Amino acid sequence: MTITLSAVLTVLVVVAHPDDEVLFGGFMHSLTHQLNASVDLICVTNGEGGFKHAGIAESFYDNIKLRE
């Protein structure tokens, strides 16, 4: 089945957490590669979850304090 669009399909994907966009990877790939769509991604987060649990990663960053 072939779909032909006369206009450019534009999609805005809004996610609430970093890495949530991976849930839609196949969908976004299909949009861009099969339908030649334009896809924009917005991640809206306050960052407190990552900051709160970042202590375990401090050793990877030369012991920079990543949490309060």
Protein backbone atom coordinates (compact mmCIF):
# COMPACT_ATOMS: atom_id res chain seq x y z
CA MET A 1 0.00 0.00 0.00
CA THR A 2 1.38 3.39 -0.99
CA ILE A 3 0.37 6.64 0.66
CA THR A 4 0.93 9.85 -1.25
CA LEU A 5 0.69 13.19 0.52
CA SER A 6 0.39 16.47 -1.33
CA ALA A 7 1.50 18.50 1.70
CA VAL A 8 4.34 18.03 4.16
CA LEU A 9 3.15 16.22 7.27
CA THR A 10 4.48 17.92 10.41
CA VAL A 11 4.38 16.16 13.78
CA LEU A 12 5.23 17.54 17.21
CA VAL A 13 6.09 14.86 19.81
CA VAL A 14 5.94 16.11 23.42
CA VAL A 15 7.31 13.86 26.18
CA ALA A 16 7.52 14.38 29.93
CA HIS A 17 10.86 12.72 30.70
CA PRO A 18 14.24 12.44 28.99
CA ASP A 19 14.44 9.15 27.07
CA ASP A 20 10.64 8.80 26.73
CA GLU A 21 11.01 9.50 23.02
CA VAL A 22 12.45 5.99 22.60
CA LEU A 23 8.92 4.69 23.13
CA PHE A 24 7.98 6.29 19.81
CA GLY A 25 11.18 5.51 17.88
CA GLY A 26 9.57 3.17 15.36
CA PHE A 27 6.66 5.53 14.83
CA MET A 28 8.93 8.54 14.26
CA HIS A 29 11.18 6.53 11.95
CA SER A 30 8.17 5.48 9.87
CA LEU A 31 6.91 9.04 9.71
CA THR A 32 10.21 10.44 8.51
CA HIS A 33 11.28 7.63 6.21
CA GLN A 34 8.03 6.37 4.73
CA LEU A 35 5.93 9.54 4.71
CA ASN A 36 8.77 12.10 4.50
CA ALA A 37 7.26 13.87 7.49
CA SER A 38 8.95 16.54 9.54
CA VAL A 39 9.13 15.53 13.23
CA ASP A 40 10.04 17.84 16.11
CA LEU A 41 10.57 16.62 19.66
CA ILE A 42 10.05 18.55 22.89
CA CYS A 43 11.00 17.14 26.29
CA VAL A 44 9.34 18.95 29.22
CA THR A 45 10.86 18.15 32.61
CA ASN A 46 11.85 19.90 35.80
CA GLY A 47 14.85 17.59 36.14
CA GLU A 48 14.41 16.83 39.81
CA GLY A 49 14.27 13.06 39.36
CA GLY A 50 17.66 12.85 37.68
CA PHE A 51 19.23 15.35 40.05
CA LYS A 52 17.86 13.63 43.13
CA HIS A 53 19.31 10.25 42.11
CA ALA A 54 22.49 11.49 40.42
CA GLY A 55 24.88 10.67 43.28
CA ILE A 56 25.76 7.27 41.85
CA ALA A 57 27.13 8.97 38.70
CA GLU A 58 29.40 11.44 40.50
CA SER A 59 32.44 9.16 40.16
CA PHE A 60 32.04 9.16 36.37
CA TYR A 61 32.41 12.96 36.32
CA ASP A 62 35.61 13.37 38.35
CA ASN A 63 33.58 13.41 41.59
CA ILE A 64 31.72 16.60 40.67
CA LYS A 65 28.86 17.04 43.13
CA LEU A 66 25.68 16.38 41.11
CA ARG A 67 23.21 16.53 43.99
CA GLU A 68 22.51 18.68 47.01
